[in-house]
Amino acid sequence: MTVSEWLDKAKRLLDICNYEISIRNGKKALTVNQSDTLHELQDEIGYRHGIAPVSYNEASDILIEMIGMVKAG
C-alpha cells in the first residue's frame, strides 16, 4: 500500500468515526469491517495494537496519531 493509499483509507475511516461521534457520542464499538480496516492500517505501519474492540472515540484518537506519524515520515 502506498502512502497516499494508506492516508486515503485512514481519512475515510476517520470521517466515519467523526460522523459516529457527532451523532452518537462515539462510545459504540466499530463494526467488524471497520475494525479490520483499522488493524490493517496499524499493521501496515507497525503501530502497536491489541485485539480488544475499540470505540469510535478511541479509533479517532488512534487514527489522528497514526496519520501524523505517516505524514511526518
N, C-alpha and C. Protein backbone atom coordinates (compact mmCIF):
# COMPACT_ATOMS: atom_id res chain seq x y z
N MET A 1 0.86 -1.17 0.00
CA MET A 1 0.00 0.00 0.00
C MET A 1 0.90 1.23 0.00
N THR A 2 0.62 2.16 -0.90
CA THR A 2 1.40 3.39 -0.95
C THR A 2 0.98 4.32 0.18
N VAL A 3 1.79 5.34 0.43
CA VAL A 3 1.47 6.31 1.47
C VAL A 3 0.14 6.99 1.17
N SER A 4 -0.07 7.38 -0.07
CA SER A 4 -1.32 8.07 -0.41
C SER A 4 -2.52 7.14 -0.25
N GLU A 5 -2.37 5.86 -0.61
CA GLU A 5 -3.46 4.90 -0.41
C GLU A 5 -3.75 4.73 1.08
N TRP A 6 -2.67 4.62 1.87
CA TRP A 6 -2.83 4.46 3.32
C TRP A 6 -3.56 5.68 3.89
N LEU A 7 -3.11 6.88 3.52
CA LEU A 7 -3.74 8.10 4.03
C LEU A 7 -5.20 8.20 3.61
N ASP A 8 -5.52 7.86 2.37
CA ASP A 8 -6.91 7.89 1.90
C ASP A 8 -7.78 6.96 2.73
N LYS A 9 -7.30 5.74 2.95
CA LYS A 9 -8.07 4.76 3.72
C LYS A 9 -8.24 5.23 5.17
N ALA A 10 -7.17 5.76 5.75
CA ALA A 10 -7.23 6.24 7.13
C ALA A 10 -8.18 7.43 7.26
N LYS A 11 -8.14 8.34 6.31
CA LYS A 11 -9.02 9.52 6.36
C LYS A 11 -10.48 9.13 6.18
N ARG A 12 -10.76 8.13 5.34
CA ARG A 12 -12.14 7.67 5.18
C ARG A 12 -12.65 7.07 6.49
N LEU A 13 -11.82 6.27 7.15
CA LEU A 13 -12.23 5.69 8.43
C LEU A 13 -12.37 6.76 9.49
N LEU A 14 -11.49 7.74 9.49
CA LEU A 14 -11.59 8.85 10.44
C LEU A 14 -12.88 9.64 10.21
N ASP A 15 -13.26 9.85 8.96
CA ASP A 15 -14.53 10.53 8.66
C ASP A 15 -15.72 9.77 9.24
N ILE A 16 -15.69 8.45 9.12
CA ILE A 16 -16.76 7.62 9.69
C ILE A 16 -16.78 7.78 11.21
N CYS A 17 -15.61 7.73 11.83
CA CYS A 17 -15.52 7.90 13.29
C CYS A 17 -16.08 9.25 13.71
N ASN A 18 -15.67 10.30 13.02
CA ASN A 18 -16.15 11.65 13.37
C ASN A 18 -17.66 11.76 13.21
N TYR A 19 -18.21 11.12 12.19
CA TYR A 19 -19.66 11.12 12.00
C TYR A 19 -20.34 10.42 13.17
N GLU A 20 -19.86 9.24 13.53
CA GLU A 20 -20.44 8.49 14.65
C GLU A 20 -20.31 9.27 15.96
N ILE A 21 -19.20 9.96 16.15
CA ILE A 21 -19.01 10.77 17.34
C ILE A 21 -20.03 11.90 17.36
N SER A 22 -20.28 12.50 16.21
CA SER A 22 -21.19 13.64 16.15
C SER A 22 -22.65 13.25 16.40
N ILE A 23 -23.03 12.03 16.02
CA ILE A 23 -24.44 11.66 16.19
C ILE A 23 -24.71 10.75 17.37
N ARG A 24 -23.68 10.03 17.83
CA ARG A 24 -23.90 9.05 18.91
C ARG A 24 -22.85 9.11 20.01
N ASN A 25 -22.11 10.16 20.13
CA ASN A 25 -21.07 10.32 21.14
C ASN A 25 -19.87 9.40 20.95
N GLY A 26 -19.86 8.54 19.96
CA GLY A 26 -18.71 7.72 19.64
C GLY A 26 -18.37 6.62 20.63
N LYS A 27 -19.28 6.28 21.50
CA LYS A 27 -18.99 5.25 22.51
C LYS A 27 -19.22 3.83 22.00
N LYS A 28 -19.96 3.70 20.90
CA LYS A 28 -20.24 2.39 20.31
C LYS A 28 -18.96 1.83 19.67
N ALA A 29 -18.81 0.51 19.69
CA ALA A 29 -17.64 -0.13 19.09
C ALA A 29 -17.73 -0.10 17.56
N LEU A 30 -16.58 -0.09 16.92
CA LEU A 30 -16.52 -0.15 15.47
C LEU A 30 -17.15 -1.46 14.98
N THR A 31 -17.61 -1.45 13.74
CA THR A 31 -18.11 -2.68 13.14
C THR A 31 -16.92 -3.60 12.87
N VAL A 32 -17.19 -4.84 12.55
CA VAL A 32 -16.12 -5.80 12.26
C VAL A 32 -15.28 -5.31 11.07
N ASN A 33 -15.94 -4.86 10.02
CA ASN A 33 -15.20 -4.37 8.84
C ASN A 33 -14.34 -3.16 9.18
N GLN A 34 -14.89 -2.25 9.97
CA GLN A 34 -14.13 -1.06 10.36
C GLN A 34 -12.94 -1.44 11.24
N SER A 35 -13.15 -2.40 12.14
CA SER A 35 -12.05 -2.88 12.99
C SER A 35 -10.96 -3.53 12.15
N ASP A 36 -11.38 -4.32 11.16
CA ASP A 36 -10.41 -4.95 10.26
C ASP A 36 -9.59 -3.90 9.52
N THR A 37 -10.25 -2.85 9.06
CA THR A 37 -9.56 -1.77 8.35
C THR A 37 -8.57 -1.08 9.28
N LEU A 38 -9.00 -0.79 10.51
CA LEU A 38 -8.11 -0.15 11.48
C LEU A 38 -6.89 -1.03 11.75
N HIS A 39 -7.09 -2.32 11.94
CA HIS A 39 -5.98 -3.23 12.20
C HIS A 39 -5.05 -3.32 10.99
N GLU A 40 -5.62 -3.33 9.80
CA GLU A 40 -4.81 -3.35 8.58
C GLU A 40 -3.92 -2.11 8.52
N LEU A 41 -4.50 -0.96 8.81
CA LEU A 41 -3.73 0.28 8.81
C LEU A 41 -2.63 0.25 9.87
N GLN A 42 -2.97 -0.26 11.04
CA GLN A 42 -1.98 -0.34 12.12
C GLN A 42 -0.85 -1.28 11.74
N ASP A 43 -1.18 -2.44 11.20
CA ASP A 43 -0.16 -3.41 10.80
C ASP A 43 0.75 -2.86 9.71
N GLU A 44 0.17 -2.12 8.79
CA GLU A 44 0.91 -1.59 7.65
C GLU A 44 2.07 -0.69 8.10
N ILE A 45 1.89 0.04 9.20
CA ILE A 45 2.95 0.96 9.66
C ILE A 45 3.62 0.47 10.94
N GLY A 46 3.30 -0.74 11.36
CA GLY A 46 3.93 -1.28 12.56
C GLY A 46 3.47 -0.64 13.85
N TYR A 47 2.25 -0.14 13.86
CA TYR A 47 1.69 0.53 15.04
C TYR A 47 1.20 -0.53 16.01
N ARG A 48 1.56 -0.39 17.27
CA ARG A 48 1.14 -1.37 18.28
C ARG A 48 -0.37 -1.33 18.48
N HIS A 49 -0.97 -2.48 18.65
CA HIS A 49 -2.41 -2.52 18.90
C HIS A 49 -2.79 -3.83 19.55
N GLY A 50 -3.94 -3.83 20.17
CA GLY A 50 -4.46 -5.04 20.80
C GLY A 50 -5.59 -5.63 19.98
N ILE A 51 -6.26 -6.60 20.58
CA ILE A 51 -7.36 -7.24 19.87
C ILE A 51 -8.72 -6.84 20.43
N ALA A 52 -8.72 -6.05 21.49
CA ALA A 52 -9.98 -5.63 22.11
C ALA A 52 -10.73 -4.67 21.20
N PRO A 53 -12.07 -4.75 21.20
CA PRO A 53 -12.85 -3.80 20.41
C PRO A 53 -12.59 -2.37 20.87
N VAL A 54 -12.58 -1.45 19.92
CA VAL A 54 -12.39 -0.05 20.26
C VAL A 54 -13.61 0.75 19.85
N SER A 55 -13.85 1.83 20.56
CA SER A 55 -14.97 2.71 20.24
C SER A 55 -14.55 3.67 19.13
N TYR A 56 -15.54 4.37 18.59
CA TYR A 56 -15.25 5.37 17.58
C TYR A 56 -14.36 6.47 18.15
N ASN A 57 -14.56 6.83 19.42
CA ASN A 57 -13.72 7.84 20.07
C ASN A 57 -12.27 7.37 20.10
N GLU A 58 -12.05 6.13 20.54
CA GLU A 58 -10.69 5.59 20.61
C GLU A 58 -10.07 5.47 19.23
N ALA A 59 -10.85 5.00 18.27
CA ALA A 59 -10.35 4.85 16.90
C ALA A 59 -9.96 6.20 16.32
N SER A 60 -10.75 7.21 16.60
CA SER A 60 -10.44 8.55 16.12
C SER A 60 -9.09 9.02 16.65
N ASP A 61 -8.86 8.83 17.94
CA ASP A 61 -7.58 9.22 18.54
C ASP A 61 -6.42 8.46 17.92
N ILE A 62 -6.60 7.14 17.73
CA ILE A 62 -5.57 6.30 17.13
C ILE A 62 -5.27 6.77 15.71
N LEU A 63 -6.32 7.00 14.92
CA LEU A 63 -6.14 7.41 13.52
C LEU A 63 -5.44 8.76 13.42
N ILE A 64 -5.81 9.70 14.26
CA ILE A 64 -5.16 11.02 14.23
C ILE A 64 -3.67 10.88 14.52
N GLU A 65 -3.33 10.04 15.52
CA GLU A 65 -1.93 9.82 15.86
C GLU A 65 -1.18 9.14 14.70
N MET A 66 -1.80 8.12 14.10
CA MET A 66 -1.15 7.41 13.01
C MET A 66 -0.99 8.27 11.77
N ILE A 67 -2.00 9.07 11.45
CA ILE A 67 -1.91 9.96 10.28
C ILE A 67 -0.76 10.93 10.48
N GLY A 68 -0.62 11.45 11.68
CA GLY A 68 0.51 12.36 11.98
C GLY A 68 1.84 11.67 11.79
N MET A 69 1.95 10.41 12.22
CA MET A 69 3.20 9.65 12.07
C MET A 69 3.52 9.43 10.60
N VAL A 70 2.51 9.06 9.82
CA VAL A 70 2.74 8.79 8.40
C VAL A 70 3.11 10.06 7.66
N LYS A 71 2.44 11.15 7.96
CA LYS A 71 2.76 12.42 7.29
C LYS A 71 4.16 12.90 7.66
N ALA A 72 4.59 12.61 8.89
CA ALA A 72 5.92 13.03 9.34
C ALA A 72 7.03 12.17 8.70
N GLY A 73 6.63 11.01 8.18
CA GLY A 73 7.60 10.15 7.50
C GLY A 73 8.12 9.13 8.43
